[in-house]
PDB file of N, CA and C in Angstrom:
ATOM      1  N   MET A   1     116.163 161.634  55.874  1.00  0.00           N
ATOM      2  CA  MET A   1     116.061 161.220  57.267  1.00  0.00           C
ATOM      3  C   MET A   1     114.707 160.554  57.497  1.00  0.00           C
ATOM      4  N   SER A   2     114.697 159.488  58.261  1.00  0.00           N
ATOM      5  CA  SER A   2     113.477 158.736  58.520  1.00  0.00           C
ATOM      6  C   SER A   2     112.602 159.440  59.545  1.00  0.00           C
ATOM      7  N   HIS A   3     111.302 159.321  59.378  1.00  0.00           N
ATOM      8  CA  HIS A   3     110.342 159.890  60.325  1.00  0.00           C
ATOM      9  C   HIS A   3     109.944 158.878  61.391  1.00  0.00           C
ATOM     10  N   PHE A   4     110.449 157.676  61.262  1.00  0.00           N
ATOM     11  CA  PHE A   4     110.018 156.600  62.147  1.00  0.00           C
ATOM     12  C   PHE A   4     110.880 156.451  63.388  1.00  0.00           C
ATOM     13  N   GLY A   5     112.067 156.999  63.407  1.00  0.00           N
ATOM     14  CA  GLY A   5     112.948 156.829  64.548  1.00  0.00           C
ATOM     15  C   GLY A   5     113.627 155.474  64.507  1.00  0.00           C
ATOM     16  N   ARG A   6     114.250 155.129  65.577  1.00  0.00           N
ATOM     17  CA  ARG A   6     114.995 153.874  65.637  1.00  0.00           C
ATOM     18  C   ARG A   6     114.076 152.724  66.016  1.00  0.00           C
ATOM     19  N   ALA A   7     114.185 151.635  65.277  1.00  0.00           N
ATOM     20  CA  ALA A   7     113.388 150.440  65.554  1.00  0.00           C
ATOM     21  C   ALA A   7     113.996 149.695  66.744  1.00  0.00           C
ATOM     22  N   PRO A   8     113.151 149.041  67.547  1.00  0.00           N
ATOM     23  CA  PRO A   8     113.696 148.257  68.659  1.00  0.00           C
ATOM     24  C   PRO A   8     114.467 147.046  68.141  1.00  0.00           C
ATOM     25  N   GLU A   9     115.445 146.620  68.902  1.00  0.00           N
ATOM     26  CA  GLU A   9     116.216 145.433  68.544  1.00  0.00           C
ATOM     27  C   GLU A   9     115.318 144.206  68.587  1.00  0.00           C
ATOM     28  N   VAL A  10     115.509 143.293  67.652  1.00  0.00           N
ATOM     29  CA  VAL A  10     114.756 142.042  67.635  1.00  0.00           C
ATOM     30  C   VAL A  10     115.435 141.091  68.618  1.00  0.00           C
ATOM     31  N   PRO A  11     114.704 140.586  69.620  1.00  0.00           N
ATOM     32  CA  PRO A  11     115.331 139.658  70.563  1.00  0.00           C
ATOM     33  C   PRO A  11     115.638 138.319  69.897  1.00  0.00           C
ATOM     34  N   VAL A  12     116.773 137.749  70.259  1.00  0.00           N
ATOM     35  CA  VAL A  12     117.213 136.461  69.715  1.00  0.00           C
ATOM     36  C   VAL A  12     117.259 135.472  70.868  1.00  0.00           C
ATOM     37  N   PHE A  13     116.637 134.310  70.672  1.00  0.00           N
ATOM     38  CA  PHE A  13     116.577 133.282  71.707  1.00  0.00           C
ATOM     39  C   PHE A  13     117.294 132.035  71.236  1.00  0.00           C
ATOM     40  N   HIS A  14     117.981 131.385  72.160  1.00  0.00           N
ATOM     41  CA  HIS A  14     118.722 130.157  71.890  1.00  0.00           C
ATOM     42  C   HIS A  14     118.221 129.085  72.853  1.00  0.00           C
ATOM     43  N   PRO A  15     117.127 128.385  72.497  1.00  0.00           N
ATOM     44  CA  PRO A  15     116.615 127.350  73.391  1.00  0.00           C
ATOM     45  C   PRO A  15     117.617 126.199  73.536  1.00  0.00           C
ATOM     46  N   THR A  16     117.565 125.558  74.676  1.00  0.00           N
ATOM     47  CA  THR A  16     118.439 124.414  74.942  1.00  0.00           C
ATOM     48  C   THR A  16     117.813 123.146  74.363  1.00  0.00           C
ATOM     49  N   ASP A  17     118.586 122.066  74.378  1.00  0.00           N
ATOM     50  CA  ASP A  17     118.040 120.772  73.954  1.00  0.00           C
ATOM     51  C   ASP A  17     116.834 120.415  74.816  1.00  0.00           C
ATOM     52  N   ARG A  18     116.920 120.701  76.095  1.00  0.00           N
ATOM     53  CA  ARG A  18     115.807 120.410  77.005  1.00  0.00           C
ATOM     54  C   ARG A  18     114.563 121.215  76.631  1.00  0.00           C
ATOM     55  N   ASP A  19     114.756 122.493  76.284  1.00  0.00           N
ATOM     56  CA  ASP A  19     113.620 123.325  75.852  1.00  0.00           C
ATOM     57  C   ASP A  19     112.936 122.728  74.627  1.00  0.00           C
ATOM     58  N   MET A  20     113.722 122.128  73.728  1.00  0.00           N
ATOM     59  CA  MET A  20     113.175 121.609  72.481  1.00  0.00           C
ATOM     60  C   MET A  20     112.471 120.265  72.652  1.00  0.00           C
ATOM     61  N   LEU A  21     112.569 119.657  73.838  1.00  0.00           N
ATOM     62  CA  LEU A  21     111.871 118.397  74.083  1.00  0.00           C
ATOM     63  C   LEU A  21     110.375 118.600  74.300  1.00  0.00           C
ATOM     64  N   ARG A  22     109.997 119.745  74.803  1.00  0.00           N
ATOM     65  CA  ARG A  22     108.576 120.021  75.012  1.00  0.00           C
ATOM     66  C   ARG A  22     108.010 120.670  73.750  1.00  0.00           C
ATOM     67  N   PRO A  23     106.692 120.754  73.641  1.00  0.00           N
ATOM     68  CA  PRO A  23     106.108 121.361  72.428  1.00  0.00           C
ATOM     69  C   PRO A  23     106.615 122.795  72.211  1.00  0.00           C
ATOM     70  N   PHE A  24     106.933 123.106  70.954  1.00  0.00           N
ATOM     71  CA  PHE A  24     107.474 124.432  70.650  1.00  0.00           C
ATOM     72  C   PHE A  24     106.501 125.535  71.031  1.00  0.00           C
ATOM     73  N   GLU A  25     105.201 125.250  70.968  1.00  0.00           N
ATOM     74  CA  GLU A  25     104.202 126.257  71.335  1.00  0.00           C
ATOM     75  C   GLU A  25     104.391 126.713  72.775  1.00  0.00           C
ATOM     76  N   GLU A  26     104.796 125.805  73.663  1.00  0.00           N
ATOM     77  CA  GLU A  26     105.043 126.168  75.061  1.00  0.00           C
ATOM     78  C   GLU A  26     106.241 127.104  75.172  1.00  0.00           C
ATOM     79  N   TYR A  27     107.299 126.790  74.434  1.00  0.00           N
ATOM     80  CA  TYR A  27     108.479 127.659  74.452  1.00  0.00           C
ATOM     81  C   TYR A  27     108.120 129.040  73.904  1.00  0.00           C
ATOM     82  N   ALA A  28     107.418 129.071  72.788  1.00  0.00           N
ATOM     83  CA  ALA A  28     107.023 130.350  72.189  1.00  0.00           C
ATOM     84  C   ALA A  28     106.162 131.158  73.150  1.00  0.00           C
ATOM     85  N   ALA A  29     105.239 130.501  73.836  1.00  0.00           N
ATOM     86  CA  ALA A  29     104.381 131.208  74.795  1.00  0.00           C
ATOM     87  C   ALA A  29     105.202 131.783  75.940  1.00  0.00           C
ATOM     88  N   SER A  30     106.242 131.073  76.366  1.00  0.00           N
ATOM     89  CA  SER A  30     107.057 131.557  77.486  1.00  0.00           C
ATOM     90  C   SER A  30     107.827 132.822  77.122  1.00  0.00           C
ATOM     91  N   ILE A  31     108.275 132.950  75.872  1.00  0.00           N
ATOM     92  CA  ILE A  31     108.980 134.175  75.490  1.00  0.00           C
ATOM     93  C   ILE A  31     108.006 135.268  75.058  1.00  0.00           C
ATOM     94  N   GLU A  32     106.842 134.861  74.565  1.00  0.00           N
ATOM     95  CA  GLU A  32     105.861 135.851  74.118  1.00  0.00           C
ATOM     96  C   GLU A  32     105.371 136.714  75.278  1.00  0.00           C
ATOM     97  N   ARG A  33     105.250 136.122  76.448  1.00  0.00           N
ATOM     98  CA  ARG A  33     104.787 136.887  77.616  1.00  0.00           C
ATOM     99  C   ARG A  33     105.689 138.083  77.891  1.00  0.00           C
ATOM    100  N   ARG A  34     106.990 137.910  77.661  1.00  0.00           N
ATOM    101  CA  ARG A  34     107.940 138.983  77.955  1.00  0.00           C
ATOM    102  C   ARG A  34     108.204 139.911  76.775  1.00  0.00           C
ATOM    103  N   PHE A  35     108.018 139.431  75.544  1.00  0.00           N
ATOM    104  CA  PHE A  35     108.436 140.211  74.385  1.00  0.00           C
ATOM    105  C   PHE A  35     107.334 140.459  73.361  1.00  0.00           C
ATOM    106  N   ALA A  36     106.080 140.287  73.732  1.00  0.00           N
ATOM    107  CA  ALA A  36     104.976 140.499  72.792  1.00  0.00           C
ATOM    108  C   ALA A  36     104.960 141.931  72.267  1.00  0.00           C
ATOM    109  N   HIS A  37     105.406 142.878  73.076  1.00  0.00           N
ATOM    110  CA  HIS A  37     105.395 144.287  72.669  1.00  0.00           C
ATOM    111  C   HIS A  37     106.338 144.561  71.493  1.00  0.00           C
ATOM    112  N   VAL A  38     107.344 143.704  71.289  1.00  0.00           N
ATOM    113  CA  VAL A  38     108.272 143.888  70.178  1.00  0.00           C
ATOM    114  C   VAL A  38     107.615 143.442  68.872  1.00  0.00           C
ATOM    115  N   GLY A  39     106.850 142.352  68.921  1.00  0.00           N
ATOM    116  CA  GLY A  39     106.128 141.879  67.751  1.00  0.00           C
ATOM    117  C   GLY A  39     106.894 140.909  66.879  1.00  0.00           C
ATOM    118  N   LEU A  40     108.166 140.673  67.184  1.00  0.00           N
ATOM    119  CA  LEU A  40     108.987 139.805  66.355  1.00  0.00           C
ATOM    120  C   LEU A  40     110.118 139.252  67.214  1.00  0.00           C
ATOM    121  N   ALA A  41     110.497 138.010  66.980  1.00  0.00           N
ATOM    122  CA  ALA A  41     111.632 137.415  67.687  1.00  0.00           C
ATOM    123  C   ALA A  41     112.282 136.391  66.773  1.00  0.00           C
ATOM    124  N   LYS A  42     113.545 136.134  67.026  1.00  0.00           N
ATOM    125  CA  LYS A  42     114.275 135.115  66.279  1.00  0.00           C
ATOM    126  C   LYS A  42     114.614 133.991  67.255  1.00  0.00           C
ATOM    127  N   VAL A  43     114.318 132.753  66.848  1.00  0.00           N
ATOM    128  CA  VAL A  43     114.632 131.593  67.670  1.00  0.00           C
ATOM    129  C   VAL A  43     115.643 130.750  66.902  1.00  0.00           C
ATOM    130  N   VAL A  44     116.819 130.563  67.501  1.00  0.00           N
ATOM    131  CA  VAL A  44     117.886 129.775  66.891  1.00  0.00           C
ATOM    132  C   VAL A  44     117.925 128.425  67.600  1.00  0.00           C
ATOM    133  N   PRO A  45     117.577 127.342  66.911  1.00  0.00           N
ATOM    134  CA  PRO A  45     117.566 126.029  67.572  1.00  0.00           C
ATOM    135  C   PRO A  45     118.985 125.569  67.898  1.00  0.00           C
ATOM    136  N   PRO A  46     119.126 124.673  68.882  1.00  0.00           N
ATOM    137  CA  PRO A  46     120.459 124.150  69.192  1.00  0.00           C
ATOM    138  C   PRO A  46     121.011 123.355  68.004  1.00  0.00           C
ATOM    139  N   LYS A  47     122.344 123.266  67.922  1.00  0.00           N
ATOM    140  CA  LYS A  47     122.979 122.558  66.802  1.00  0.00           C
ATOM    141  C   LYS A  47     122.536 121.106  66.702  1.00  0.00           C
ATOM    142  N   SER A  48     122.164 120.506  67.816  1.00  0.00           N
ATOM    143  CA  SER A  48     121.758 119.101  67.811  1.00  0.00           C
ATOM    144  C   SER A  48     120.335 118.896  67.284  1.00  0.00           C
ATOM    145  N   TRP A  49     119.556 119.956  67.144  1.00  0.00           N
ATOM    146  CA  TRP A  49     118.160 119.849  66.718  1.00  0.00           C
ATOM    147  C   TRP A  49     118.081 119.473  65.248  1.00  0.00           C
ATOM    148  N   ARG A  50     117.167 118.585  64.928  1.00  0.00           N
ATOM    149  CA  ARG A  50     116.922 118.179  63.541  1.00  0.00           C
ATOM    150  C   ARG A  50     115.447 118.346  63.229  1.00  0.00           C
ATOM    151  N   ALA A  51     115.163 118.796  62.026  1.00  0.00           N
ATOM    152  CA  ALA A  51     113.774 118.989  61.602  1.00  0.00           C
ATOM    153  C   ALA A  51     113.067 117.647  61.504  1.00  0.00           C
ATOM    154  N   ARG A  52     111.790 117.672  61.659  1.00  0.00           N
ATOM    155  CA  ARG A  52     110.960 116.469  61.561  1.00  0.00           C
ATOM    156  C   ARG A  52     111.056 115.887  60.157  1.00  0.00           C
ATOM    157  N   VAL A  53     111.205 114.581  60.053  1.00  0.00           N
ATOM    158  CA  VAL A  53     111.277 113.940  58.738  1.00  0.00           C
ATOM    159  C   VAL A  53     110.012 113.151  58.421  1.00  0.00           C
ATOM    160  N   GLY A  54     109.151 112.922  59.420  1.00  0.00           N
ATOM    161  CA  GLY A  54     107.971 112.092  59.222  1.00  0.00           C
ATOM    162  C   GLY A  54     106.730 112.833  58.803  1.00  0.00           C
ATOM    163  N   GLY A  55     106.812 114.132  58.569  1.00  0.00           N
ATOM    164  CA  GLY A  55     105.625 114.887  58.198  1.00  0.00           C
ATOM    165  C   GLY A  55     104.825 115.332  59.410  1.00  0.00           C
ATOM    166  N   TYR A  56     103.697 115.937  59.152  1.00  0.00           N
ATOM    167  CA  TYR A  56     102.878 116.514  60.212  1.00  0.00           C
ATOM    168  C   TYR A  56     101.481 115.916  60.292  1.00  0.00           C
ATOM    169  N   GLY A  57     101.252 114.836  59.605  1.00  0.00           N
ATOM    170  CA  GLY A  57      99.943 114.203  59.680  1.00  0.00           C
ATOM    171  C   GLY A  57      98.975 114.764  58.661  1.00  0.00           C
ATOM    172  N   ARG A  58      97.734 114.403  58.821  1.00  0.00           N
ATOM    173  CA  ARG A  58      96.692 114.801  57.862  1.00  0.00           C
ATOM    174  C   ARG A  58      96.398 116.293  57.950  1.00  0.00           C
ATOM    175  N   GLY A  59      96.068 116.863  56.811  1.00  0.00           N
ATOM    176  CA  GLY A  59      95.668 118.261  56.776  1.00  0.00           C
ATOM    177  C   GLY A  59      96.812 119.246  56.618  1.00  0.00           C
ATOM    178  N   TRP A  60      98.038 118.757  56.499  1.00  0.00           N
ATOM    179  CA  TRP A  60      99.170 119.667  56.374  1.00  0.00           C
ATOM    180  C   TRP A  60      99.809 119.602  54.995  1.00  0.00           C
ATOM    181  N   ASP A  61      99.064 119.186  54.003  1.00  0.00           N
ATOM    182  CA  ASP A  61      99.585 119.146  52.648  1.00  0.00           C
ATOM    183  C   ASP A  61      99.409 120.515  51.992  1.00  0.00           C
ATOM    184  N   VAL A  62     100.192 121.457  52.445  1.00  0.00           N
ATOM    185  CA  VAL A  62     100.078 122.848  51.995  1.00  0.00           C
ATOM    186  C   VAL A  62     101.269 123.182  51.115  1.00  0.00           C
ATOM    187  N   VAL A  63     101.006 123.781  49.982  1.00  0.00           N
ATOM    188  CA  VAL A  63     102.056 124.251  49.098  1.00  0.00           C
ATOM    189  C   VAL A  63     102.078 125.767  49.186  1.00  0.00           C
ATOM    190  N   ILE A  64     103.245 126.308  49.499  1.00  0.00           N
ATOM    191  CA  ILE A  64     103.406 127.761  49.554  1.00  0.00           C
ATOM    192  C   ILE A  64     103.940 128.185  48.209  1.00  0.00           C
ATOM    193  N   PRO A  65     103.143 128.915  47.417  1.00  0.00           N
ATOM    194  CA  PRO A  65     103.535 129.205  46.043  1.00  0.00           C
ATOM    195  C   PRO A  65     104.774 130.096  45.910  1.00  0.00           C
ATOM    196  N   LYS A  66     104.967 131.037  46.821  1.00  0.00           N
ATOM    197  CA  LYS A  66     106.133 131.929  46.751  1.00  0.00           C
ATOM    198  C   LYS A  66     106.743 132.069  48.143  1.00  0.00           C
ATOM    199  N   PRO A  67     107.460 131.058  48.626  1.00  0.00           N
ATOM    200  CA  PRO A  67     108.018 131.153  49.973  1.00  0.00           C
ATOM    201  C   PRO A  67     109.114 132.208  50.054  1.00  0.00           C
ATOM    202  N   ILE A  68     109.263 132.798  51.206  1.00  0.00           N
ATOM    203  CA  ILE A  68     110.337 133.763  51.436  1.00  0.00           C
ATOM    204  C   ILE A  68     111.612 132.980  51.639  1.00  0.00           C
ATOM    205  N   LYS A  69     112.649 133.386  50.955  1.00  0.00           N
ATOM    206  CA  LYS A  69     113.946 132.704  51.079  1.00  0.00           C
ATOM    207  C   LYS A  69     114.994 133.678  51.565  1.00  0.00           C
TER     208      LYS A  69
END
């Protein structure tokens, strides 16, 4: 039997296309105010969202040697 008790549910957010038009940091800050006490959240982008293909500019040439998959 665990000594830790039951863990809180991880909140899951589904931003709209409109939410994704503004900087993601703003969206994250808006949910962080309400759920910072949980410490973790899952954000599921809308089906229409596509990852950036043009890169992130200078200074972002980072290689993660063992990424979590």
